[in-house]
Amino acid sequence: MGDQLLNLLMYAIPSLIVGAIAFLFFREHIENEDNRRKFIMHKQLQKEALPQRLQAYERLSIFLERIAPNKLLIRVTPLSTNKDDYEALLIKNIEQELEHNLSQQIYVTDNCWSIINASKSATVQLIRKAALSDKVDSANKLREVILTDMIDKTPPSSAGLSYIKQEVSELW
């Protein structure tokens, strides 16, 4: 009986060791295959999404260029001499530009979208601040004050454009 048990153990233990090694090997192999498939799928999705992301960055760059005060004031002329009406028209134009590009936020990082919103808000604040000035009594004077103020400063949209360029350079 003792010899039979010993013989059984001599055959069973190597079988169990080989079985355990085979199990570990196949488990590792299956995990590697899953990871490889996930990597290939991720790479393919990135390849397909890259043109859309680049288009989003392009559209947001155009948005930032269009709301730069010097370009905005040339494109949006006053409808009357009332400074409050012109201020509202400029801000409405900026808001419409942003609404037109809202869907692009899904293709850019949260940081990028936040900086774009901050650039828009800073531009609106710049216009409102100029309209509050005692020197401003008409729409044309508002244009003049904003343009004069922008001679020494970079437009708020420059920060957004710089960030977009940085993010796009990281895509390569």
N, C-alpha and C. Protein backbone atom coordinates (compact mmCIF):
# COMPACT_ATOMS: atom_id res chain seq x y z
N MET A 1 0.83 -1.19 0.00
CA MET A 1 0.00 0.00 0.00
C MET A 1 0.87 1.24 0.00
N GLY A 2 1.91 1.28 0.79
CA GLY A 2 2.82 2.41 0.84
C GLY A 2 3.53 2.62 -0.48
N ASP A 3 3.88 1.49 -1.15
CA ASP A 3 4.54 1.60 -2.45
C ASP A 3 3.58 2.13 -3.51
N GLN A 4 2.34 1.73 -3.44
CA GLN A 4 1.36 2.20 -4.41
C GLN A 4 1.12 3.71 -4.24
N LEU A 5 1.04 4.15 -3.00
CA LEU A 5 0.85 5.58 -2.73
C LEU A 5 2.06 6.38 -3.21
N LEU A 6 3.23 5.85 -2.98
CA LEU A 6 4.46 6.50 -3.43
C LEU A 6 4.51 6.56 -4.96
N ASN A 7 4.15 5.47 -5.61
CA ASN A 7 4.11 5.45 -7.09
C ASN A 7 3.08 6.45 -7.61
N LEU A 8 1.92 6.50 -6.96
CA LEU A 8 0.87 7.46 -7.36
C LEU A 8 1.36 8.89 -7.23
N LEU A 9 2.03 9.20 -6.11
CA LEU A 9 2.56 10.55 -5.91
C LEU A 9 3.66 10.87 -6.92
N MET A 10 4.47 9.88 -7.27
CA MET A 10 5.56 10.12 -8.23
C MET A 10 5.00 10.47 -9.61
N TYR A 11 3.83 9.96 -9.95
CA TYR A 11 3.21 10.28 -11.23
C TYR A 11 2.33 11.55 -11.12
N ALA A 12 1.69 11.73 -10.01
CA ALA A 12 0.74 12.83 -9.84
C ALA A 12 1.45 14.18 -9.66
N ILE A 13 2.50 14.21 -8.87
CA ILE A 13 3.17 15.50 -8.60
C ILE A 13 3.74 16.10 -9.88
N PRO A 14 4.49 15.37 -10.70
CA PRO A 14 4.97 15.97 -11.96
C PRO A 14 3.82 16.40 -12.87
N SER A 15 2.75 15.60 -12.88
CA SER A 15 1.60 15.97 -13.70
C SER A 15 0.98 17.28 -13.22
N LEU A 16 0.86 17.40 -11.90
CA LEU A 16 0.30 18.64 -11.34
C LEU A 16 1.21 19.84 -11.63
N ILE A 17 2.51 19.65 -11.54
CA ILE A 17 3.46 20.75 -11.83
C ILE A 17 3.36 21.14 -13.30
N VAL A 18 3.34 20.17 -14.20
CA VAL A 18 3.22 20.46 -15.64
C VAL A 18 1.88 21.15 -15.91
N GLY A 19 0.82 20.68 -15.29
CA GLY A 19 -0.50 21.29 -15.47
C GLY A 19 -0.53 22.73 -14.99
N ALA A 20 0.10 22.99 -13.82
CA ALA A 20 0.14 24.36 -13.29
C ALA A 20 0.95 25.27 -14.20
N ILE A 21 2.08 24.78 -14.67
CA ILE A 21 2.91 25.58 -15.59
C ILE A 21 2.15 25.87 -16.88
N ALA A 22 1.48 24.84 -17.42
CA ALA A 22 0.69 25.03 -18.64
C ALA A 22 -0.42 26.05 -18.41
N PHE A 23 -1.09 25.97 -17.26
CA PHE A 23 -2.16 26.93 -16.94
C PHE A 23 -1.62 28.35 -16.89
N LEU A 24 -0.51 28.54 -16.18
CA LEU A 24 0.09 29.88 -16.08
C LEU A 24 0.53 30.39 -17.44
N PHE A 25 1.13 29.51 -18.25
CA PHE A 25 1.58 29.91 -19.58
C PHE A 25 0.41 30.35 -20.45
N PHE A 26 -0.66 29.54 -20.48
CA PHE A 26 -1.81 29.89 -21.31
C PHE A 26 -2.53 31.14 -20.81
N ARG A 27 -2.61 31.32 -19.49
CA ARG A 27 -3.22 32.53 -18.95
C ARG A 27 -2.43 33.76 -19.38
N GLU A 28 -1.11 33.70 -19.27
CA GLU A 28 -0.23 34.80 -19.68
C GLU A 28 -0.38 35.06 -21.18
N HIS A 29 -0.45 33.98 -21.95
CA HIS A 29 -0.59 34.11 -23.41
C HIS A 29 -1.92 34.79 -23.76
N ILE A 30 -2.99 34.40 -23.11
CA ILE A 30 -4.30 35.00 -23.38
C ILE A 30 -4.31 36.47 -22.99
N GLU A 31 -3.72 36.82 -21.86
CA GLU A 31 -3.64 38.23 -21.44
C GLU A 31 -2.85 39.05 -22.44
N ASN A 32 -1.73 38.50 -22.92
CA ASN A 32 -0.93 39.20 -23.92
C ASN A 32 -1.70 39.41 -25.21
N GLU A 33 -2.44 38.41 -25.62
CA GLU A 33 -3.25 38.53 -26.84
C GLU A 33 -4.35 39.58 -26.67
N ASP A 34 -4.99 39.58 -25.51
CA ASP A 34 -6.01 40.60 -25.24
C ASP A 34 -5.41 42.00 -25.27
N ASN A 35 -4.27 42.17 -24.64
CA ASN A 35 -3.60 43.47 -24.63
C ASN A 35 -3.18 43.89 -26.03
N ARG A 36 -2.71 42.93 -26.82
CA ARG A 36 -2.30 43.23 -28.20
C ARG A 36 -3.50 43.68 -29.02
N ARG A 37 -4.63 42.98 -28.87
CA ARG A 37 -5.85 43.36 -29.60
C ARG A 37 -6.33 44.74 -29.17
N LYS A 38 -6.30 45.00 -27.87
CA LYS A 38 -6.71 46.32 -27.37
C LYS A 38 -5.80 47.41 -27.92
N PHE A 39 -4.50 47.14 -27.95
CA PHE A 39 -3.54 48.12 -28.48
C PHE A 39 -3.81 48.40 -29.95
N ILE A 40 -4.02 47.35 -30.72
CA ILE A 40 -4.29 47.52 -32.16
C ILE A 40 -5.58 48.29 -32.38
N MET A 41 -6.62 47.97 -31.59
CA MET A 41 -7.89 48.68 -31.72
C MET A 41 -7.73 50.15 -31.33
N HIS A 42 -7.01 50.40 -30.24
CA HIS A 42 -6.77 51.77 -29.79
C HIS A 42 -5.99 52.56 -30.85
N LYS A 43 -4.99 51.92 -31.41
CA LYS A 43 -4.18 52.58 -32.45
C LYS A 43 -5.04 52.91 -33.68
N GLN A 44 -5.91 51.98 -34.07
CA GLN A 44 -6.79 52.20 -35.21
C GLN A 44 -7.77 53.34 -34.93
N LEU A 45 -8.33 53.37 -33.72
CA LEU A 45 -9.26 54.45 -33.36
C LEU A 45 -8.56 55.80 -33.36
N GLN A 46 -7.33 55.83 -32.85
CA GLN A 46 -6.57 57.08 -32.86
C GLN A 46 -6.31 57.54 -34.28
N LYS A 47 -5.98 56.61 -35.15
CA LYS A 47 -5.70 56.93 -36.55
C LYS A 47 -6.93 57.54 -37.21
N GLU A 48 -8.11 56.98 -36.89
CA GLU A 48 -9.35 57.48 -37.47
C GLU A 48 -9.78 58.80 -36.83
N ALA A 49 -9.48 59.00 -35.55
CA ALA A 49 -9.91 60.20 -34.84
C ALA A 49 -8.98 61.39 -35.05
N LEU A 50 -7.75 61.13 -35.44
CA LEU A 50 -6.78 62.22 -35.59
C LEU A 50 -7.25 63.32 -36.54
N PRO A 51 -7.77 63.00 -37.72
CA PRO A 51 -8.25 64.08 -38.60
C PRO A 51 -9.35 64.93 -37.96
N GLN A 52 -10.24 64.28 -37.20
CA GLN A 52 -11.31 65.04 -36.54
C GLN A 52 -10.74 65.93 -35.45
N ARG A 53 -9.77 65.42 -34.70
CA ARG A 53 -9.15 66.24 -33.66
C ARG A 53 -8.43 67.43 -34.28
N LEU A 54 -7.70 67.19 -35.35
CA LEU A 54 -7.00 68.30 -36.01
C LEU A 54 -7.99 69.33 -36.55
N GLN A 55 -9.09 68.85 -37.10
CA GLN A 55 -10.11 69.79 -37.59
C GLN A 55 -10.69 70.61 -36.43
N ALA A 56 -10.87 69.99 -35.29
CA ALA A 56 -11.37 70.72 -34.11
C ALA A 56 -10.38 71.80 -33.70
N TYR A 57 -9.09 71.46 -33.66
CA TYR A 57 -8.07 72.45 -33.32
C TYR A 57 -8.06 73.59 -34.35
N GLU A 58 -8.25 73.25 -35.62
CA GLU A 58 -8.30 74.29 -36.66
C GLU A 58 -9.48 75.22 -36.44
N ARG A 59 -10.64 74.65 -36.18
CA ARG A 59 -11.84 75.47 -35.99
C ARG A 59 -11.73 76.35 -34.75
N LEU A 60 -11.14 75.79 -33.69
CA LEU A 60 -10.98 76.59 -32.47
C LEU A 60 -9.93 77.67 -32.67
N SER A 61 -8.93 77.41 -33.49
CA SER A 61 -7.95 78.45 -33.83
C SER A 61 -8.61 79.59 -34.60
N ILE A 62 -9.46 79.22 -35.53
CA ILE A 62 -10.20 80.24 -36.29
C ILE A 62 -11.09 81.05 -35.35
N PHE A 63 -11.75 80.37 -34.42
CA PHE A 63 -12.59 81.05 -33.44
C PHE A 63 -11.77 82.09 -32.67
N LEU A 64 -10.60 81.66 -32.17
CA LEU A 64 -9.76 82.58 -31.39
C LEU A 64 -9.27 83.75 -32.24
N GLU A 65 -8.96 83.48 -33.48
CA GLU A 65 -8.53 84.56 -34.38
C GLU A 65 -9.69 85.54 -34.62
N ARG A 66 -10.88 85.01 -34.79
CA ARG A 66 -12.04 85.86 -35.09
C ARG A 66 -12.46 86.73 -33.90
N ILE A 67 -12.18 86.27 -32.66
CA ILE A 67 -12.58 87.08 -31.50
C ILE A 67 -11.45 88.00 -31.03
N ALA A 68 -10.30 87.94 -31.66
CA ALA A 68 -9.23 88.88 -31.31
C ALA A 68 -9.78 90.29 -31.56
N PRO A 69 -9.69 91.18 -30.58
CA PRO A 69 -10.34 92.49 -30.69
C PRO A 69 -10.04 93.25 -31.99
N ASN A 70 -8.80 93.26 -32.44
CA ASN A 70 -8.50 94.01 -33.65
C ASN A 70 -9.23 93.44 -34.87
N LYS A 71 -9.38 92.15 -34.95
CA LYS A 71 -10.10 91.53 -36.08
C LYS A 71 -11.61 91.61 -35.89
N LEU A 72 -12.05 91.47 -34.66
CA LEU A 72 -13.48 91.55 -34.36
C LEU A 72 -14.03 92.94 -34.70
N LEU A 73 -13.29 93.97 -34.32
CA LEU A 73 -13.76 95.35 -34.55
C LEU A 73 -13.80 95.70 -36.04
N ILE A 74 -12.93 95.10 -36.81
CA ILE A 74 -12.95 95.35 -38.26
C ILE A 74 -14.13 94.64 -38.90
N ARG A 75 -14.39 93.42 -38.45
CA ARG A 75 -15.45 92.60 -39.03
C ARG A 75 -16.85 93.05 -38.59
N VAL A 76 -16.99 93.46 -37.34
CA VAL A 76 -18.29 93.83 -36.79
C VAL A 76 -18.33 95.35 -36.64
N THR A 77 -19.02 96.00 -37.56
CA THR A 77 -19.11 97.46 -37.52
C THR A 77 -20.36 97.87 -36.76
N PRO A 78 -20.32 99.05 -36.14
CA PRO A 78 -21.49 99.51 -35.37
C PRO A 78 -22.70 99.76 -36.27
N LEU A 79 -23.87 99.43 -35.74
CA LEU A 79 -25.11 99.67 -36.48
C LEU A 79 -25.67 101.05 -36.17
N SER A 80 -25.22 101.61 -35.04
CA SER A 80 -25.64 102.96 -34.65
C SER A 80 -24.47 103.59 -33.90
N THR A 81 -24.68 104.79 -33.41
CA THR A 81 -23.62 105.45 -32.66
C THR A 81 -23.67 105.12 -31.16
N ASN A 82 -24.68 104.40 -30.73
CA ASN A 82 -24.84 104.05 -29.31
C ASN A 82 -23.78 103.04 -28.89
N LYS A 83 -22.99 103.40 -27.89
CA LYS A 83 -21.90 102.54 -27.42
C LYS A 83 -22.42 101.26 -26.78
N ASP A 84 -23.54 101.35 -26.06
CA ASP A 84 -24.10 100.16 -25.40
C ASP A 84 -24.60 99.14 -26.43
N ASP A 85 -25.20 99.64 -27.50
CA ASP A 85 -25.66 98.74 -28.57
C ASP A 85 -24.47 98.05 -29.23
N TYR A 86 -23.41 98.80 -29.44
CA TYR A 86 -22.22 98.23 -30.09
C TYR A 86 -21.54 97.21 -29.16
N GLU A 87 -21.46 97.54 -27.88
CA GLU A 87 -20.89 96.60 -26.91
C GLU A 87 -21.68 95.29 -26.93
N ALA A 88 -23.00 95.40 -26.91
CA ALA A 88 -23.86 94.21 -26.93
C ALA A 88 -23.68 93.43 -28.24
N LEU A 89 -23.54 94.15 -29.35
CA LEU A 89 -23.33 93.50 -30.65
C LEU A 89 -22.01 92.73 -30.68
N LEU A 90 -20.96 93.32 -30.15
CA LEU A 90 -19.66 92.64 -30.11
C LEU A 90 -19.72 91.38 -29.25
N ILE A 91 -20.32 91.51 -28.08
CA ILE A 91 -20.40 90.37 -27.16
C ILE A 91 -21.30 89.29 -27.75
N LYS A 92 -22.39 89.69 -28.37
CA LYS A 92 -23.28 88.72 -29.01
C LYS A 92 -22.53 87.97 -30.11
N ASN A 93 -21.72 88.69 -30.88
CA ASN A 93 -20.95 88.07 -31.95
C ASN A 93 -19.98 87.03 -31.39
N ILE A 94 -19.31 87.37 -30.29
CA ILE A 94 -18.37 86.44 -29.65
C ILE A 94 -19.11 85.19 -29.15
N GLU A 95 -20.26 85.41 -28.52
CA GLU A 95 -21.05 84.28 -28.01
C GLU A 95 -21.53 83.38 -29.14
N GLN A 96 -21.95 83.97 -30.25
CA GLN A 96 -22.39 83.19 -31.39
C GLN A 96 -21.23 82.38 -31.98
N GLU A 97 -20.07 82.98 -32.04
CA GLU A 97 -18.89 82.26 -32.54
C GLU A 97 -18.61 81.05 -31.66
N LEU A 98 -18.71 81.23 -30.34
CA LEU A 98 -18.46 80.11 -29.44
C LEU A 98 -19.52 79.03 -29.60
N GLU A 99 -20.79 79.44 -29.67
CA GLU A 99 -21.87 78.47 -29.84
C GLU A 99 -21.69 77.65 -31.11
N HIS A 100 -21.19 78.29 -32.14
CA HIS A 100 -20.96 77.61 -33.41
C HIS A 100 -19.89 76.53 -33.28
N ASN A 101 -19.01 76.68 -32.30
CA ASN A 101 -17.90 75.74 -32.13
C ASN A 101 -17.98 74.89 -30.87
N LEU A 102 -19.12 74.89 -30.20
CA LEU A 102 -19.26 74.14 -28.95
C LEU A 102 -18.97 72.65 -29.11
N SER A 103 -19.36 72.08 -30.22
CA SER A 103 -19.18 70.63 -30.39
C SER A 103 -17.70 70.24 -30.47
N GLN A 104 -16.83 71.17 -30.74
CA GLN A 104 -15.40 70.86 -30.87
C GLN A 104 -14.77 70.48 -29.53
N GLN A 105 -15.44 70.80 -28.44
CA GLN A 105 -14.85 70.52 -27.13
C GLN A 105 -14.67 69.03 -26.87
N ILE A 106 -15.42 68.18 -27.57
CA ILE A 106 -15.26 66.74 -27.33
C ILE A 106 -13.97 66.20 -27.95
N TYR A 107 -13.34 66.96 -28.82
CA TYR A 107 -12.12 66.49 -29.48
C TYR A 107 -10.85 67.06 -28.87
N VAL A 108 -10.99 68.00 -27.94
CA VAL A 108 -9.80 68.60 -27.33
C VAL A 108 -9.79 68.28 -25.83
N THR A 109 -8.66 68.51 -25.20
CA THR A 109 -8.55 68.22 -23.77
C THR A 109 -9.36 69.24 -22.96
N ASP A 110 -9.67 68.86 -21.74
CA ASP A 110 -10.40 69.76 -20.85
C ASP A 110 -9.62 71.04 -20.59
N ASN A 111 -8.30 70.90 -20.44
CA ASN A 111 -7.45 72.09 -20.23
C ASN A 111 -7.54 73.04 -21.41
N CYS A 112 -7.47 72.49 -22.60
CA CYS A 112 -7.54 73.32 -23.81
C CYS A 112 -8.89 74.05 -23.87
N TRP A 113 -9.97 73.34 -23.61
CA TRP A 113 -11.29 73.96 -23.66
C TRP A 113 -11.42 75.05 -22.60
N SER A 114 -10.86 74.81 -21.43
CA SER A 114 -10.90 75.82 -20.36
C SER A 114 -10.14 77.07 -20.77
N ILE A 115 -9.00 76.89 -21.40
CA ILE A 115 -8.20 78.05 -21.83
C ILE A 115 -8.92 78.81 -22.93
N ILE A 116 -9.59 78.11 -23.82
CA ILE A 116 -10.36 78.77 -24.88
C ILE A 116 -11.50 79.58 -24.26
N ASN A 117 -12.20 78.99 -23.29
CA ASN A 117 -13.27 79.73 -22.61
C ASN A 117 -12.72 80.93 -21.85
N ALA A 118 -11.56 80.77 -21.24
CA ALA A 118 -10.94 81.88 -20.52
C ALA A 118 -10.56 83.00 -21.50
N SER A 119 -10.07 82.64 -22.68
CA SER A 119 -9.73 83.64 -23.70
C SER A 119 -10.97 84.41 -24.14
N LYS A 120 -12.06 83.66 -24.32
CA LYS A 120 -13.32 84.30 -24.71
C LYS A 120 -13.79 85.25 -23.62
N SER A 121 -13.76 84.79 -22.37
CA SER A 121 -14.22 85.62 -21.25
C SER A 121 -13.36 86.86 -21.07
N ALA A 122 -12.06 86.71 -21.25
CA ALA A 122 -11.15 87.85 -21.13
C ALA A 122 -11.42 88.87 -22.22
N THR A 123 -11.75 88.41 -23.41
CA THR A 123 -12.07 89.32 -24.51
C THR A 123 -13.36 90.08 -24.21
N VAL A 124 -14.35 89.37 -23.69
CA VAL A 124 -15.62 90.02 -23.32
C VAL A 124 -15.37 91.06 -22.22
N GLN A 125 -14.57 90.69 -21.23
CA GLN A 125 -14.24 91.62 -20.15
C GLN A 125 -13.51 92.85 -20.68
N LEU A 126 -12.62 92.66 -21.61
CA LEU A 126 -11.89 93.78 -22.21
C LEU A 126 -12.86 94.77 -22.87
N ILE A 127 -13.84 94.23 -23.58
CA ILE A 127 -14.84 95.08 -24.25
C ILE A 127 -15.70 95.80 -23.21
N ARG A 128 -16.13 95.08 -22.19
CA ARG A 128 -16.97 95.69 -21.14
C ARG A 128 -16.21 96.77 -20.38
N LYS A 129 -14.95 96.50 -20.10
CA LYS A 129 -14.12 97.47 -19.37
C LYS A 129 -13.96 98.76 -20.21
N ALA A 130 -13.71 98.57 -21.50
CA ALA A 130 -13.57 99.74 -22.37
C ALA A 130 -14.87 100.53 -22.45
N ALA A 131 -16.00 99.85 -22.47
CA ALA A 131 -17.30 100.53 -22.55
C ALA A 131 -17.61 101.31 -21.28
N LEU A 132 -17.04 100.91 -20.15
CA LEU A 132 -17.28 101.62 -18.89
C LEU A 132 -16.44 102.89 -18.76
N SER A 133 -15.47 103.04 -19.61
CA SER A 133 -14.58 104.20 -19.55
C SER A 133 -15.35 105.50 -19.75
N ASP A 134 -14.92 106.53 -19.02
CA ASP A 134 -15.56 107.85 -19.15
C ASP A 134 -15.30 108.48 -20.52
N LYS A 135 -14.21 108.07 -21.15
CA LYS A 135 -13.85 108.62 -22.46
C LYS A 135 -14.78 108.14 -23.57
N VAL A 136 -15.47 107.05 -23.33
CA VAL A 136 -16.30 106.44 -24.37
C VAL A 136 -17.71 106.98 -24.31
N ASP A 137 -18.11 107.65 -25.40
CA ASP A 137 -19.47 108.17 -25.47
C ASP A 137 -20.20 107.76 -26.75
N SER A 138 -19.51 107.03 -27.63
CA SER A 138 -20.13 106.57 -28.86
C SER A 138 -19.52 105.22 -29.27
N ALA A 139 -20.14 104.61 -30.25
CA ALA A 139 -19.66 103.31 -30.74
C ALA A 139 -18.27 103.45 -31.36
N ASN A 140 -18.06 104.52 -32.12
CA ASN A 140 -16.75 104.72 -32.74
C ASN A 140 -15.67 104.99 -31.70
N LYS A 141 -16.02 105.69 -30.65
CA LYS A 141 -15.06 105.95 -29.57
C LYS A 141 -14.73 104.64 -28.85
N LEU A 142 -15.71 103.75 -28.70
CA LEU A 142 -15.48 102.44 -28.09
C LEU A 142 -14.49 101.64 -28.93
N ARG A 143 -14.68 101.66 -30.23
CA ARG A 143 -13.74 100.97 -31.14
C ARG A 143 -12.33 101.54 -30.96
N GLU A 144 -12.25 102.85 -30.92
CA GLU A 144 -10.95 103.52 -30.80
C GLU A 144 -10.26 103.16 -29.48
N VAL A 145 -11.01 103.18 -28.38
CA VAL A 145 -10.43 102.87 -27.08
C VAL A 145 -9.94 101.42 -27.04
N ILE A 146 -10.73 100.50 -27.57
CA ILE A 146 -10.32 99.09 -27.56
C ILE A 146 -9.06 98.90 -28.41
N LEU A 147 -9.05 99.48 -29.59
CA LEU A 147 -7.88 99.34 -30.47
C LEU A 147 -6.64 99.99 -29.87
N THR A 148 -6.82 101.14 -29.25
CA THR A 148 -5.69 101.82 -28.60
C THR A 148 -5.16 100.98 -27.44
N ASP A 149 -6.08 100.41 -26.69
CA ASP A 149 -5.69 99.56 -25.56
C ASP A 149 -4.93 98.32 -26.04
N MET A 150 -5.26 97.83 -27.21
CA MET A 150 -4.64 96.60 -27.73
C MET A 150 -3.29 96.85 -28.40
N ILE A 151 -2.91 98.10 -28.60
CA ILE A 151 -1.62 98.40 -29.23
C ILE A 151 -0.47 97.85 -28.40
N ASP A 152 -0.53 98.03 -27.10
CA ASP A 152 0.55 97.61 -26.21
C ASP A 152 0.39 96.19 -25.68
N LYS A 153 -0.77 95.61 -25.86
CA LYS A 153 -1.05 94.31 -25.27
C LYS A 153 -1.25 93.24 -26.35
N THR A 154 -1.06 92.01 -25.94
CA THR A 154 -1.43 90.92 -26.83
C THR A 154 -2.88 90.56 -26.56
N PRO A 155 -3.61 90.17 -27.57
CA PRO A 155 -5.02 89.84 -27.35
C PRO A 155 -5.16 88.61 -26.46
N PRO A 156 -6.24 88.52 -25.69
CA PRO A 156 -6.45 87.37 -24.81
C PRO A 156 -6.46 86.04 -25.57
N SER A 157 -6.86 86.08 -26.82
CA SER A 157 -6.93 84.85 -27.60
C SER A 157 -5.54 84.28 -27.93
N SER A 158 -4.49 85.07 -27.76
CA SER A 158 -3.13 84.58 -28.02
C SER A 158 -2.76 83.42 -27.11
N ALA A 159 -3.18 83.48 -25.86
CA ALA A 159 -2.88 82.39 -24.93
C ALA A 159 -3.55 81.10 -25.39
N GLY A 160 -4.78 81.20 -25.85
CA GLY A 160 -5.49 80.03 -26.35
C GLY A 160 -4.82 79.46 -27.59
N LEU A 161 -4.40 80.35 -28.50
CA LEU A 161 -3.72 79.88 -29.71
C LEU A 161 -2.40 79.19 -29.38
N SER A 162 -1.67 79.74 -28.45
CA SER A 162 -0.40 79.12 -28.03
C SER A 162 -0.65 77.74 -27.45
N TYR A 163 -1.69 77.61 -26.65
CA TYR A 163 -1.98 76.32 -26.04
C TYR A 163 -2.40 75.30 -27.10
N ILE A 164 -3.20 75.73 -28.06
CA ILE A 164 -3.61 74.84 -29.14
C ILE A 164 -2.38 74.35 -29.91
N LYS A 165 -1.49 75.26 -30.23
CA LYS A 165 -0.27 74.87 -30.96
C LYS A 165 0.55 73.86 -30.16
N GLN A 166 0.62 74.07 -28.86
CA GLN A 166 1.37 73.14 -27.99
C GLN A 166 0.71 71.76 -28.01
N GLU A 167 -0.61 71.72 -27.88
CA GLU A 167 -1.30 70.42 -27.87
C GLU A 167 -1.16 69.70 -29.20
N VAL A 168 -1.27 70.44 -30.29
CA VAL A 168 -1.14 69.81 -31.61
C VAL A 168 0.27 69.27 -31.80
N SER A 169 1.27 70.00 -31.32
CA SER A 169 2.65 69.52 -31.46
C SER A 169 2.87 68.23 -30.66
N GLU A 170 2.11 68.02 -29.60
CA GLU A 170 2.23 66.81 -28.80
C GLU A 170 1.56 65.60 -29.47
N LEU A 171 0.71 65.86 -30.47
CA LEU A 171 0.05 64.75 -31.18
C LEU A 171 1.02 64.00 -32.07
N TRP A 172 2.09 64.64 -32.46
CA TRP A 172 3.04 63.99 -33.37
C TRP A 172 3.98 63.22 -32.57
